[in-house]
Amino acid sequence: MNTFITQNISAIFACLLVSSTTAAQSTDRMVHRVGQGVEFEVTADGLAAIRNGDRELAHGGLSVFNAERWFSKQPGPVVADKVLEKRFERIDDRRARVVHIMEDVTCIFEYTVSGEDMTVSVRVENRHPSAAVDVTGLKGLEFTFAGRPEGWMCEQHISYFQAHGLELCHPSHFSPIGGSYAQDGVVGVGVSPWRTGMARTLILWDYTDWREGKRETLPSRRLLYFIADKVPPRGAKTFDLRLRVSPNTDWRHLLTPYREHFLATFGPVRYKANYRWIATDYLNHSQAAVSPENPYGFHGGHRRIDTTEGAAKFCDTVIPALRDGQGQGIIVWGQGGDDPRGAMYRPDFDILPPEVETQWSTLAERFAAAGLKLGVCTRPRHMAVRRDWNKDQIIDINPDDPGHRAMLARRFQNMIERGVALFYLDSFGSSFEDVKLMRWLREQLGPDVLTFAEHQCDAILPYSGGYSETTLHAGADPARYRLWSGQRQWEIYEWLVPGSQMASRLYQIQGKPSEDIEPPDRWFFRHRVTPMVPVNDFRRAPEMPPLQAEFLDGPSAWKQHD
């Protein structure tokens, strides 16, 4: 070991001995037993064991590593793969300090037990003179459950992360919920990031054996924790993790620390949900429908909102059904018709053909007079740029760019000034960048404008409602509805963000429904999901008032149901 490392070790432990008020009582381990038989043991290896009664639930320790290799096949130069020196200090019967020295990194861990929870706080000091640690990882703790564990547990092979990078970290489509829990029917483990702020994190339950047919049945998992928050060269950062171990295996109990972290990070809901049903309609047809008589490729009839007759028919078709059915409004897709430059539902959603622009005031005035809302489809994360003379391509906007944000705000404001109060957010909602953008956008929109994101993670729900689609598997045994966003996920989202909203339309019926199957709108309301009803299925509208009276306590509150 070189002189520089030796001198640093001596200095660190001199400080620890001076600062500790219980140094004389230090031993080589701290063992703390929680009520109902859960026991934590900390040694110089870190969190060396967790026991539940007479059974060892976890063993191994915890250490830091440079996790860049998990997310790139070309890891950075900071070496932090082997502990060269380690030291343990027992502060009292609930707290211990552990120091690990590696080639380029020094880690000072503090372990604190409070009830069923253990907080792991590690200060990572990067001694490398020129290179940062882009992703810090914690590893070393292996759990062995009584049987195959169940819960909210992300698992995936390292090659998947190397191929897709940090976009898989929470918040993302892969990791839509930042906390995690696992339970075997006897004991449960909740895992939560702690005091991370707006940073990408990932809790991973790695298989101990990746052989096909073996991994799915094993009771053992390796716990990994990643924080994508750069530690600069010759700099330091502190990262925290909280573990809850309990014989109470209810997911709410195990995820309670995560909910505390979540509210501190993302806050409560920022919009006034309205749970009444919403109508939907798709106005644009295709380029094949374009003709001199239909220059924008709309569907026919009431969907020809580029004509006086069509706009009037739209209002005459939609308004009575919404008014009599006590709905709140309609969201339309393709309000600008079918654009010859492509991009389907356009990011420049406020740009309307002149003929549509002319008729829009009729729509807005008649809906406002009926006390109903108009809504449109948007793509807030994207912009269209020319790919060639005939076609556009779509690129992402930068949520950190003030110019990009101002452009987006103008688009929304243009539509709000046209009387729009509902927005569907296409191709949006499940990424870290989407969360940052939506948090800013919500500040501009205020609480009264409702938005519905196509893809959700928990962190988007404080700022926007979610949109999903639902399949009725009528031919299954038993027959069932499937919410595409995930019924358990929505249950967790709603628990994390009270007052949030999910809306869904019945997209598909597979098989022939029996007469005794639960109607879709009752299923939606029973699961606290706002029904979205296509105009061509308005036969369902008369059933809405009694359902809403049964399940809603006013537009913005649910009644308590078993």
Protein backbone atom coordinates (compact mmCIF):
# COMPACT_ATOMS: atom_id res chain seq x y z
CA MET A 1 0.00 0.00 0.00
CA ASN A 2 1.45 3.41 -0.90
CA THR A 3 2.34 6.09 1.68
CA PHE A 4 -0.53 8.38 0.62
CA ILE A 5 -3.17 5.74 1.44
CA THR A 6 -1.48 4.80 4.74
CA GLN A 7 -1.36 8.42 5.87
CA ASN A 8 -5.04 8.90 5.01
CA ILE A 9 -6.06 5.79 6.92
CA SER A 10 -4.21 7.00 10.01
CA ALA A 11 -5.75 10.46 9.78
CA ILE A 12 -9.27 9.11 9.36
CA PHE A 13 -9.14 6.82 12.33
CA ALA A 14 -7.46 9.42 14.51
CA CYS A 15 -10.49 11.64 13.83
CA LEU A 16 -12.90 8.80 14.54
CA LEU A 17 -11.33 8.03 17.90
CA VAL A 18 -11.31 11.66 18.95
CA SER A 19 -14.90 12.36 17.85
CA SER A 20 -16.50 9.19 19.22
CA THR A 21 -17.95 9.54 22.71
CA THR A 22 -18.13 5.77 23.13
CA ALA A 23 -14.78 4.72 21.75
CA ALA A 24 -13.86 2.90 24.93
CA GLN A 25 -16.91 0.67 24.49
CA SER A 26 -16.15 -0.22 20.85
CA THR A 27 -16.09 -3.88 19.88
CA ASP A 28 -15.74 -5.63 16.55
CA ARG A 29 -19.50 -5.60 15.87
CA MET A 30 -22.85 -4.00 16.64
CA VAL A 31 -25.82 -6.32 17.07
CA HIS A 32 -29.23 -4.74 17.54
CA ARG A 33 -32.41 -6.74 18.02
CA VAL A 34 -35.73 -5.19 17.05
CA GLY A 35 -39.04 -6.30 18.56
CA GLN A 36 -40.57 -9.45 17.07
CA GLY A 37 -37.20 -11.06 16.47
CA VAL A 38 -35.54 -9.03 13.69
CA GLU A 39 -31.82 -8.52 14.27
CA PHE A 40 -29.23 -6.37 12.45
CA GLU A 41 -25.50 -7.07 12.72
CA VAL A 42 -22.82 -4.62 11.56
CA THR A 43 -19.11 -5.47 11.37
CA ALA A 44 -16.11 -4.09 9.50
CA ASP A 45 -17.66 -5.67 6.39
CA GLY A 46 -20.69 -3.44 6.80
CA LEU A 47 -24.21 -4.79 7.26
CA ALA A 48 -22.99 -8.33 7.74
CA ALA A 49 -26.25 -10.10 8.65
CA ILE A 50 -29.98 -9.70 9.09
CA ARG A 51 -31.83 -12.36 11.04
CA ASN A 52 -35.47 -13.10 11.61
CA GLY A 53 -35.80 -15.24 14.70
CA ASP A 54 -33.43 -18.18 14.34
CA ARG A 55 -33.14 -17.86 10.57
CA GLU A 56 -30.52 -15.82 8.75
CA LEU A 57 -32.33 -13.68 6.19
CA ALA A 58 -29.28 -11.90 4.73
CA HIS A 59 -25.51 -12.02 4.97
CA GLY A 60 -22.41 -10.64 3.34
CA GLY A 61 -21.83 -6.96 4.18
CA LEU A 62 -22.09 -3.79 2.11
CA SER A 63 -19.40 -2.06 0.09
CA VAL A 64 -19.22 0.67 -2.52
CA PHE A 65 -18.13 0.03 -6.09
CA ASN A 66 -17.76 2.10 -9.24
CA ALA A 67 -20.96 1.03 -11.00
CA GLU A 68 -20.19 2.61 -14.37
CA ARG A 69 -19.46 -0.86 -15.75
CA TRP A 70 -23.12 -1.81 -15.16
CA PHE A 71 -24.31 0.91 -17.52
CA SER A 72 -21.48 1.02 -20.03
CA LYS A 73 -19.10 -1.50 -21.50
CA GLN A 74 -16.35 1.11 -21.10
CA PRO A 75 -16.14 1.90 -17.37
CA GLY A 76 -14.26 4.96 -16.16
CA PRO A 77 -10.76 5.00 -14.68
CA VAL A 78 -11.67 5.40 -10.98
CA VAL A 79 -10.72 2.11 -9.28
CA ALA A 80 -13.11 1.06 -6.52
CA ASP A 81 -13.48 -2.68 -6.78
CA LYS A 82 -11.59 -4.05 -3.80
CA VAL A 83 -11.48 -3.02 -0.14
CA LEU A 84 -7.82 -2.70 0.88
CA GLU A 85 -8.39 -1.57 4.46
CA LYS A 86 -11.49 -1.60 6.64
CA ARG A 87 -12.26 -0.52 10.18
CA PHE A 88 -15.27 -0.76 12.50
CA GLU A 89 -16.38 1.55 15.31
CA ARG A 90 -19.41 0.95 17.54
CA ILE A 91 -20.89 4.34 18.48
CA ASP A 92 -23.71 3.01 20.66
CA ASP A 93 -26.20 0.13 20.62
CA ARG A 94 -28.01 1.61 17.59
CA ARG A 95 -25.19 3.21 15.59
CA ALA A 96 -21.95 2.06 14.04
CA ARG A 97 -19.34 3.55 11.73
CA VAL A 98 -17.37 1.58 9.13
CA VAL A 99 -14.55 2.84 6.92
CA HIS A 100 -13.48 1.15 3.68
CA ILE A 101 -10.34 2.24 1.82
CA MET A 102 -10.03 1.34 -1.85
CA GLU A 103 -7.44 2.31 -4.42
CA ASP A 104 -9.12 5.56 -5.52
CA VAL A 105 -12.06 5.87 -3.14
CA THR A 106 -12.55 6.19 0.62
CA CYS A 107 -16.00 5.31 2.01
CA ILE A 108 -17.26 6.21 5.48
CA PHE A 109 -20.46 4.35 6.35
CA GLU A 110 -22.79 5.18 9.19
CA TYR A 111 -25.40 2.58 10.13
CA THR A 112 -28.34 3.72 12.27
CA VAL A 113 -31.18 1.53 13.53
CA SER A 114 -34.56 3.06 14.38
CA GLY A 115 -37.33 0.57 15.08
CA GLU A 116 -37.60 -1.80 12.11
CA ASP A 117 -35.58 0.52 9.89
CA MET A 118 -31.88 0.72 9.22
CA THR A 119 -30.49 3.79 7.49
CA VAL A 120 -27.23 3.31 5.61
CA SER A 121 -25.40 6.58 4.98
CA VAL A 122 -22.12 6.47 3.08
CA ARG A 123 -19.79 9.34 2.33
CA VAL A 124 -17.93 8.57 -0.89
CA GLU A 125 -14.64 10.43 -1.25
CA ASN A 126 -13.19 10.25 -4.75
CA ARG A 127 -9.42 10.69 -4.47
CA HIS A 128 -8.79 10.38 -8.22
CA PRO A 129 -7.12 13.59 -9.44
CA SER A 130 -9.04 13.96 -12.72
CA ALA A 131 -11.90 11.46 -13.19
CA ALA A 132 -15.39 11.47 -11.68
CA VAL A 133 -17.46 8.50 -10.50
CA ASP A 134 -20.62 8.82 -12.61
CA VAL A 135 -22.56 5.98 -10.94
CA THR A 136 -22.01 4.76 -7.40
CA GLY A 137 -23.13 1.26 -6.46
CA LEU A 138 -23.69 -0.63 -3.21
CA LYS A 139 -23.30 -4.40 -3.23
CA GLY A 140 -22.53 -7.38 -1.02
CA LEU A 141 -25.77 -8.23 0.78
CA GLU A 142 -27.37 -11.53 -0.24
CA PHE A 143 -30.89 -12.42 0.92
CA THR A 144 -32.20 -15.96 1.28
CA PHE A 145 -35.97 -16.08 1.74
CA ALA A 146 -38.05 -19.01 2.98
CA GLY A 147 -39.25 -19.50 -0.58
CA ARG A 148 -39.34 -17.65 -3.86
CA PRO A 149 -39.92 -14.01 -2.83
CA GLU A 150 -42.82 -11.94 -4.10
CA GLY A 151 -43.19 -8.20 -4.28
CA TRP A 152 -42.10 -5.22 -6.33
CA MET A 153 -38.62 -6.35 -7.37
CA CYS A 154 -36.66 -5.21 -10.42
CA GLU A 155 -34.38 -7.82 -11.90
CA GLN A 156 -32.46 -7.90 -15.17
CA HIS A 157 -29.10 -9.09 -16.48
CA ILE A 158 -26.15 -6.69 -16.55
CA SER A 159 -26.00 -6.90 -20.35
CA TYR A 160 -29.41 -5.21 -20.56
CA PHE A 161 -28.17 -2.22 -18.58
CA GLN A 162 -24.98 -2.03 -20.61
CA ALA A 163 -27.08 -1.90 -23.77
CA HIS A 164 -29.60 0.72 -22.57
CA GLY A 165 -27.73 2.81 -20.02
CA LEU A 166 -28.93 5.05 -17.24
CA GLU A 167 -32.37 5.52 -18.79
CA LEU A 168 -33.35 2.28 -17.04
CA CYS A 169 -32.92 3.85 -13.61
CA HIS A 170 -35.88 5.28 -11.75
CA PRO A 171 -37.91 7.08 -12.91
CA SER A 172 -38.31 5.07 -16.11
CA HIS A 173 -40.47 2.56 -17.92
CA PHE A 174 -38.22 -0.19 -16.54
CA SER A 175 -38.30 1.15 -12.97
CA PRO A 176 -41.57 3.08 -12.61
CA ILE A 177 -41.56 2.84 -8.80
CA GLY A 178 -38.40 3.93 -7.00
CA GLY A 179 -38.90 1.86 -3.86
CA SER A 180 -38.97 -1.90 -3.59
CA TYR A 181 -40.29 -4.65 -1.37
CA ALA A 182 -39.91 -8.41 -1.13
CA GLN A 183 -41.63 -10.89 1.14
CA ASP A 184 -41.88 -14.64 1.59
CA GLY A 185 -45.02 -14.80 3.72
CA VAL A 186 -42.97 -14.81 6.92
CA VAL A 187 -40.87 -11.68 6.74
CA GLY A 188 -40.75 -8.69 4.43
CA VAL A 189 -38.03 -6.30 3.31
CA GLY A 190 -38.68 -2.76 2.13
CA VAL A 191 -35.90 -0.85 0.38
CA SER A 192 -35.93 2.86 -0.35
CA PRO A 193 -33.60 5.55 -1.65
CA TRP A 194 -33.15 8.17 1.02
CA ARG A 195 -32.51 11.90 0.70
CA THR A 196 -31.35 11.64 -2.90
CA GLY A 197 -33.23 14.63 -4.32
CA MET A 198 -33.79 14.62 -8.08
CA ALA A 199 -31.29 11.92 -8.98
CA ARG A 200 -31.59 8.67 -10.87
CA THR A 201 -31.53 5.62 -8.60
CA LEU A 202 -32.15 1.92 -9.05
CA ILE A 203 -32.83 -0.89 -6.59
CA LEU A 204 -32.08 -4.25 -8.15
CA TRP A 205 -32.67 -7.78 -6.82
CA ASP A 206 -30.12 -9.67 -8.86
CA TYR A 207 -30.51 -13.41 -9.32
CA THR A 208 -27.80 -15.49 -7.66
CA ASP A 209 -27.94 -17.95 -10.56
CA TRP A 210 -28.91 -16.76 -14.04
CA ARG A 211 -29.31 -20.21 -15.60
CA GLU A 212 -32.64 -20.57 -17.37
CA GLY A 213 -35.17 -22.45 -15.28
CA LYS A 214 -33.09 -21.92 -12.16
CA ARG A 215 -33.24 -18.17 -11.59
CA GLU A 216 -37.05 -17.98 -11.44
CA THR A 217 -37.33 -20.49 -8.60
CA LEU A 218 -34.43 -19.53 -6.34
CA PRO A 219 -35.20 -18.08 -2.90
CA SER A 220 -31.95 -16.08 -2.91
CA ARG A 221 -31.30 -12.62 -4.34
CA ARG A 222 -28.39 -10.16 -4.27
CA LEU A 223 -29.38 -6.62 -3.37
CA LEU A 224 -27.81 -3.87 -5.50
CA TYR A 225 -28.35 -0.12 -5.23
CA PHE A 226 -27.25 2.42 -7.84
CA ILE A 227 -27.12 6.23 -7.59
CA ALA A 228 -26.40 8.18 -10.77
CA ASP A 229 -25.17 11.32 -9.04
CA LYS A 230 -21.64 12.24 -10.09
CA VAL A 231 -18.86 12.30 -7.47
CA PRO A 232 -16.32 14.74 -8.91
CA PRO A 233 -12.55 14.18 -8.89
CA ARG A 234 -11.06 15.13 -5.50
CA GLY A 235 -14.65 15.61 -4.28
CA ALA A 236 -17.14 13.79 -2.08
CA LYS A 237 -20.85 13.06 -1.83
CA THR A 238 -23.02 11.28 0.72
CA PHE A 239 -25.60 8.71 -0.35
CA ASP A 240 -28.29 7.10 1.78
CA LEU A 241 -30.40 3.96 1.67
CA ARG A 242 -33.11 2.81 4.07
CA LEU A 243 -34.06 -0.80 4.80
CA ARG A 244 -37.18 -1.92 6.63
CA VAL A 245 -37.30 -5.54 7.84
CA SER A 246 -40.54 -6.68 9.40
CA PRO A 247 -42.77 -9.70 10.04
CA ASN A 248 -45.57 -7.42 8.79
CA THR A 249 -45.44 -8.30 5.09
CA ASP A 250 -48.12 -5.87 3.89
CA TRP A 251 -46.66 -3.88 0.99
CA ARG A 252 -47.90 -0.59 2.42
CA HIS A 253 -46.02 -1.18 5.64
CA LEU A 254 -42.84 -2.19 3.81
CA LEU A 255 -43.01 0.79 1.42
CA THR A 256 -43.82 3.41 4.08
CA PRO A 257 -40.20 4.67 4.21
CA TYR A 258 -40.30 5.05 0.43
CA ARG A 259 -43.51 7.06 0.63
CA GLU A 260 -41.81 9.39 3.11
CA HIS A 261 -38.85 9.76 0.74
CA PHE A 262 -41.18 10.17 -2.25
CA LEU A 263 -43.21 13.00 -0.70
CA ALA A 264 -40.02 14.78 0.39
CA THR A 265 -38.65 14.53 -3.16
CA PHE A 266 -41.64 14.97 -5.47
CA GLY A 267 -44.28 16.42 -3.18
CA PRO A 268 -48.09 16.10 -3.18
CA VAL A 269 -50.41 16.26 -6.18
CA ARG A 270 -50.41 19.70 -7.87
CA TYR A 271 -53.64 19.49 -9.88
CA LYS A 272 -57.34 19.27 -9.03
CA ALA A 273 -58.41 15.88 -10.26
CA ASN A 274 -61.86 15.45 -11.78
CA TYR A 275 -62.90 11.81 -11.77
CA ARG A 276 -66.03 12.13 -13.95
CA TRP A 277 -65.95 10.28 -17.26
CA ILE A 278 -64.36 11.78 -20.37
CA ALA A 279 -65.36 11.29 -24.00
CA THR A 280 -62.73 10.58 -26.67
CA ASP A 281 -62.66 10.81 -30.45
CA TYR A 282 -60.10 10.32 -33.23
CA LEU A 283 -60.58 12.95 -35.95
CA ASN A 284 -57.76 12.32 -38.41
CA HIS A 285 -58.02 9.41 -40.84
CA SER A 286 -54.95 9.06 -43.08
CA GLN A 287 -53.24 10.43 -46.16
CA ALA A 288 -55.35 8.02 -48.17
CA ALA A 289 -58.39 10.07 -47.15
CA VAL A 290 -56.92 13.33 -48.48
CA SER A 291 -58.78 14.73 -51.47
CA PRO A 292 -59.84 18.12 -52.82
CA GLU A 293 -63.06 17.73 -50.81
CA ASN A 294 -61.17 16.57 -47.67
CA PRO A 295 -57.77 18.35 -47.85
CA TYR A 296 -56.69 17.43 -44.30
CA GLY A 297 -57.59 13.75 -44.26
CA PHE A 298 -60.28 13.84 -41.56
CA HIS A 299 -62.79 11.11 -40.91
CA GLY A 300 -66.22 12.05 -42.23
CA GLY A 301 -69.42 13.19 -40.56
CA HIS A 302 -69.10 14.99 -37.21
CA ARG A 303 -65.30 14.63 -37.38
CA ARG A 304 -65.02 17.13 -40.25
CA ILE A 305 -64.30 20.02 -37.89
CA ASP A 306 -62.76 21.91 -40.80
CA THR A 307 -66.28 22.66 -42.12
CA THR A 308 -69.18 24.63 -40.69
CA GLU A 309 -71.52 21.67 -41.05
CA GLY A 310 -69.04 19.25 -39.49
CA ALA A 311 -68.27 21.49 -36.50
CA ALA A 312 -71.98 21.93 -35.79
CA LYS A 313 -72.55 18.18 -36.10
CA PHE A 314 -69.62 17.55 -33.71
CA CYS A 315 -71.25 19.70 -31.05
CA ASP A 316 -74.70 18.21 -31.68
CA THR A 317 -73.28 14.68 -31.35
CA VAL A 318 -71.04 15.12 -28.32
CA ILE A 319 -72.58 17.79 -26.11
CA PRO A 320 -75.97 16.12 -25.35
CA ALA A 321 -74.34 12.79 -24.43
CA LEU A 322 -71.82 14.47 -22.15
CA ARG A 323 -74.37 16.81 -20.60
CA ASP A 324 -77.03 14.15 -19.96
CA GLY A 325 -74.42 11.59 -18.88
CA GLN A 326 -72.76 14.09 -16.51
CA GLY A 327 -69.36 13.80 -18.16
CA GLN A 328 -66.73 16.49 -17.88
CA GLY A 329 -65.64 16.92 -21.50
CA ILE A 330 -63.93 15.39 -24.52
CA ILE A 331 -60.35 14.87 -25.67
CA VAL A 332 -59.80 14.65 -29.43
CA TRP A 333 -56.83 13.19 -31.27
CA GLY A 334 -55.68 14.60 -34.61
CA GLN A 335 -57.29 18.02 -34.24
CA GLY A 336 -55.14 19.29 -37.13
CA GLY A 337 -56.05 16.46 -39.46
CA ASP A 338 -53.50 14.11 -41.00
CA ASP A 339 -50.29 16.03 -41.70
CA PRO A 340 -48.58 15.14 -45.01
CA ARG A 341 -45.17 15.56 -43.35
CA GLY A 342 -45.95 12.67 -40.98
CA ALA A 343 -45.19 12.44 -37.24
CA MET A 344 -48.77 11.23 -36.63
CA TYR A 345 -49.90 13.15 -33.51
CA ARG A 346 -47.88 16.30 -33.99
CA PRO A 347 -45.61 17.95 -31.42
CA ASP A 348 -46.71 21.30 -32.91
CA PHE A 349 -50.20 20.50 -31.66
CA ASP A 350 -51.32 24.13 -31.54
CA ILE A 351 -50.86 24.65 -35.28
CA LEU A 352 -54.30 24.20 -36.83
CA PRO A 353 -55.30 24.42 -40.50
CA PRO A 354 -56.99 27.76 -41.26
CA GLU A 355 -60.37 26.08 -41.78
CA VAL A 356 -60.13 24.31 -38.40
CA GLU A 357 -58.98 27.56 -36.79
CA THR A 358 -62.11 29.24 -38.13
CA GLN A 359 -64.45 26.57 -36.75
CA TRP A 360 -62.68 26.14 -33.42
CA SER A 361 -64.35 29.17 -31.88
CA THR A 362 -67.74 27.51 -32.51
CA LEU A 363 -66.60 24.39 -30.66
CA ALA A 364 -65.17 26.38 -27.77
CA GLU A 365 -68.22 28.62 -27.38
CA ARG A 366 -70.76 25.81 -27.47
CA PHE A 367 -68.81 23.60 -25.05
CA ALA A 368 -68.27 26.49 -22.65
CA ALA A 369 -71.99 27.36 -22.77
CA ALA A 370 -72.77 23.73 -21.83
CA GLY A 371 -70.26 23.78 -18.95
CA LEU A 372 -68.08 21.15 -20.68
CA LYS A 373 -64.36 20.98 -21.39
CA LEU A 374 -62.54 20.64 -24.70
CA GLY A 375 -59.31 18.66 -24.85
CA VAL A 376 -56.62 17.87 -27.41
CA CYS A 377 -53.73 15.51 -28.02
CA THR A 378 -50.17 16.82 -27.49
CA ARG A 379 -46.58 15.52 -27.58
CA PRO A 380 -44.81 17.68 -25.00
CA ARG A 381 -41.39 16.01 -25.06
CA HIS A 382 -40.86 16.23 -28.81
CA MET A 383 -40.34 18.63 -31.66
CA ALA A 384 -40.63 18.04 -35.40
CA VAL A 385 -37.72 18.93 -37.68
CA ARG A 386 -37.28 18.33 -41.39
CA ARG A 387 -35.87 14.96 -42.34
CA ASP A 388 -36.08 15.70 -46.05
CA TRP A 389 -38.19 17.88 -48.37
CA ASN A 390 -41.30 15.79 -47.82
CA LYS A 391 -41.12 14.31 -44.33
CA ASP A 392 -40.35 15.35 -40.75
CA GLN A 393 -38.55 13.49 -38.00
CA ILE A 394 -39.09 13.73 -34.26
CA ILE A 395 -36.38 14.66 -31.74
CA ASP A 396 -36.52 15.18 -27.99
CA ILE A 397 -36.62 18.62 -26.47
CA ASN A 398 -34.27 19.37 -23.61
CA PRO A 399 -36.17 19.94 -20.34
CA ASP A 400 -33.23 21.97 -18.99
CA ASP A 401 -33.20 24.38 -21.96
CA PRO A 402 -35.18 27.59 -21.17
CA GLY A 403 -35.82 28.19 -24.87
CA HIS A 404 -37.31 24.72 -25.33
CA ARG A 405 -39.48 25.12 -22.25
CA ALA A 406 -40.72 28.53 -23.42
CA MET A 407 -41.63 27.08 -26.81
CA LEU A 408 -43.65 24.32 -25.14
CA ALA A 409 -45.40 26.72 -22.77
CA ARG A 410 -46.47 28.87 -25.72
CA ARG A 411 -48.05 25.87 -27.42
CA PHE A 412 -50.09 24.99 -24.36
CA GLN A 413 -51.04 28.61 -23.78
CA ASN A 414 -52.21 28.95 -27.38
CA MET A 415 -54.63 26.07 -26.88
CA ILE A 416 -55.76 27.26 -23.46
CA GLU A 417 -56.64 30.61 -25.04
CA ARG A 418 -58.75 28.63 -27.51
CA GLY A 419 -60.75 27.18 -24.63
CA VAL A 420 -58.86 23.91 -24.10
CA ALA A 421 -58.66 22.59 -20.52
CA LEU A 422 -57.83 18.88 -21.04
CA PHE A 423 -54.61 17.59 -22.59
CA TYR A 424 -53.54 14.08 -23.52
CA LEU A 425 -49.74 13.79 -23.36
CA ASP A 426 -48.70 11.33 -26.07
CA SER A 427 -45.43 9.34 -25.79
CA PHE A 428 -44.74 10.95 -22.44
CA GLY A 429 -44.49 10.33 -18.71
CA SER A 430 -42.06 7.56 -17.79
CA SER A 431 -38.58 9.12 -18.00
CA PHE A 432 -36.44 11.26 -15.73
CA GLU A 433 -36.54 14.04 -18.34
CA ASP A 434 -40.33 13.82 -18.58
CA VAL A 435 -40.64 14.25 -14.82
CA LYS A 436 -38.43 17.34 -14.82
CA LEU A 437 -40.35 18.82 -17.74
CA MET A 438 -43.78 18.05 -16.31
CA ARG A 439 -42.89 19.51 -12.92
CA TRP A 440 -41.98 22.78 -14.65
CA LEU A 441 -45.00 22.63 -16.98
CA ARG A 442 -47.39 22.12 -14.08
CA GLU A 443 -46.14 25.36 -12.56
CA GLN A 444 -47.09 27.14 -15.79
CA LEU A 445 -50.47 25.46 -16.18
CA GLY A 446 -51.71 25.83 -12.62
CA PRO A 447 -53.98 23.27 -10.90
CA ASP A 448 -57.15 23.61 -13.01
CA VAL A 449 -55.84 22.34 -16.36
CA LEU A 450 -55.85 18.52 -16.41
CA THR A 451 -53.26 16.45 -18.26
CA PHE A 452 -53.06 12.69 -18.85
CA ALA A 453 -49.67 11.10 -19.60
CA GLU A 454 -49.61 8.03 -21.81
CA HIS A 455 -46.73 6.38 -19.94
CA GLN A 456 -46.45 6.68 -16.20
CA CYS A 457 -43.95 6.36 -13.41
CA ASP A 458 -44.76 7.23 -9.81
CA ALA A 459 -42.84 10.52 -10.04
CA ILE A 460 -45.05 11.90 -12.84
CA LEU A 461 -48.32 11.48 -10.88
CA PRO A 462 -47.86 14.53 -8.60
CA TYR A 463 -47.77 16.69 -11.74
CA SER A 464 -50.03 14.92 -14.24
CA GLY A 465 -52.77 12.35 -14.34
CA GLY A 466 -52.15 9.10 -16.19
CA TYR A 467 -53.75 7.61 -19.29
CA SER A 468 -54.06 3.89 -19.85
CA GLU A 469 -55.91 1.40 -21.98
CA THR A 470 -57.71 -1.71 -20.80
CA THR A 471 -58.32 -5.13 -22.29
CA LEU A 472 -61.24 -7.36 -21.33
CA HIS A 473 -60.04 -10.95 -21.51
CA ALA A 474 -63.54 -12.39 -21.80
CA GLY A 475 -62.32 -15.81 -22.91
CA ALA A 476 -59.99 -16.30 -19.96
CA ASP A 477 -60.90 -18.45 -16.97
CA PRO A 478 -61.84 -16.49 -15.03
CA ALA A 479 -62.66 -13.55 -17.28
CA ARG A 480 -60.75 -10.43 -16.27
CA TYR A 481 -59.93 -6.85 -17.11
CA ARG A 482 -56.30 -5.81 -17.53
CA LEU A 483 -55.25 -2.22 -17.01
CA TRP A 484 -52.22 -1.77 -19.26
CA SER A 485 -50.51 0.55 -16.79
CA GLY A 486 -50.71 -2.24 -14.21
CA GLN A 487 -53.42 -2.58 -11.61
CA ARG A 488 -50.93 -3.06 -8.75
CA GLN A 489 -48.85 -0.17 -10.05
CA TRP A 490 -51.89 2.12 -10.04
CA GLU A 491 -52.73 0.95 -6.52
CA ILE A 492 -49.22 1.90 -5.39
CA TYR A 493 -49.26 5.19 -7.32
CA GLU A 494 -52.55 6.24 -5.73
CA TRP A 495 -51.24 5.34 -2.27
CA LEU A 496 -48.05 7.33 -2.85
CA VAL A 497 -49.88 10.32 -4.37
CA PRO A 498 -53.34 10.72 -2.80
CA GLY A 499 -55.56 12.74 -5.12
CA SER A 500 -53.82 11.61 -8.30
CA GLN A 501 -55.81 10.42 -11.31
CA MET A 502 -55.78 7.58 -13.80
CA ALA A 503 -58.07 7.53 -16.84
CA SER A 504 -58.53 4.61 -19.21
CA ARG A 505 -60.51 3.55 -22.24
CA LEU A 506 -61.64 0.02 -23.04
CA TYR A 507 -59.36 -0.72 -25.97
CA GLN A 508 -60.08 -4.33 -26.75
CA ILE A 509 -62.41 -7.22 -25.91
CA GLN A 510 -60.92 -10.67 -26.42
CA GLY A 511 -63.52 -13.40 -26.63
CA LYS A 512 -67.26 -13.14 -26.10
CA PRO A 513 -68.30 -11.62 -22.75
CA SER A 514 -70.81 -13.60 -20.73
CA GLU A 515 -73.97 -11.90 -19.49
CA ASP A 516 -72.81 -11.93 -15.87
CA ILE A 517 -69.45 -10.23 -16.50
CA GLU A 518 -68.94 -6.91 -14.72
CA PRO A 519 -69.59 -3.96 -17.06
CA PRO A 520 -66.40 -2.04 -17.92
CA ASP A 521 -67.43 1.29 -16.40
CA ARG A 522 -68.34 -0.31 -13.07
CA TRP A 523 -64.94 -2.02 -13.12
CA PHE A 524 -63.24 1.32 -13.84
CA PHE A 525 -65.02 3.17 -11.04
CA ARG A 526 -64.53 0.30 -8.61
CA HIS A 527 -60.78 0.56 -9.23
CA ARG A 528 -60.86 4.37 -8.98
CA VAL A 529 -60.13 4.85 -12.67
CA THR A 530 -61.87 7.52 -14.74
CA PRO A 531 -63.63 5.93 -17.74
CA MET A 532 -62.83 7.33 -21.19
CA VAL A 533 -65.67 6.58 -23.59
CA PRO A 534 -65.31 6.81 -27.40
CA VAL A 535 -68.02 8.74 -29.20
CA ASN A 536 -68.91 5.60 -31.14
CA ASP A 537 -69.68 3.87 -27.81
CA PHE A 538 -71.94 6.56 -26.33
CA ARG A 539 -74.54 3.88 -25.55
CA ARG A 540 -72.62 3.62 -22.24
CA ALA A 541 -73.24 7.30 -21.38
CA PRO A 542 -76.72 6.87 -19.76
CA GLU A 543 -75.23 4.45 -17.20
CA MET A 544 -72.69 7.00 -15.98
CA PRO A 545 -74.82 9.21 -13.67
CA PRO A 546 -75.86 6.37 -11.31
CA LEU A 547 -72.32 4.96 -11.30
CA GLN A 548 -70.83 8.35 -10.49
CA ALA A 549 -73.40 8.86 -7.73
CA GLU A 550 -72.40 5.49 -6.29
CA PHE A 551 -68.64 5.96 -6.42
CA LEU A 552 -67.98 9.72 -6.40
CA ASP A 553 -68.47 12.26 -3.66
CA GLY A 554 -68.49 15.23 -6.01
CA PRO A 555 -66.22 15.50 -9.08
CA SER A 556 -62.94 15.40 -7.14
CA ALA A 557 -63.42 12.82 -4.38
CA TRP A 558 -64.02 9.09 -4.20
CA LYS A 559 -66.45 7.53 -1.77
CA GLN A 560 -65.09 4.83 0.48
CA HIS A 561 -65.77 1.34 -0.90
CA ASP A 562 -64.55 -2.08 0.16
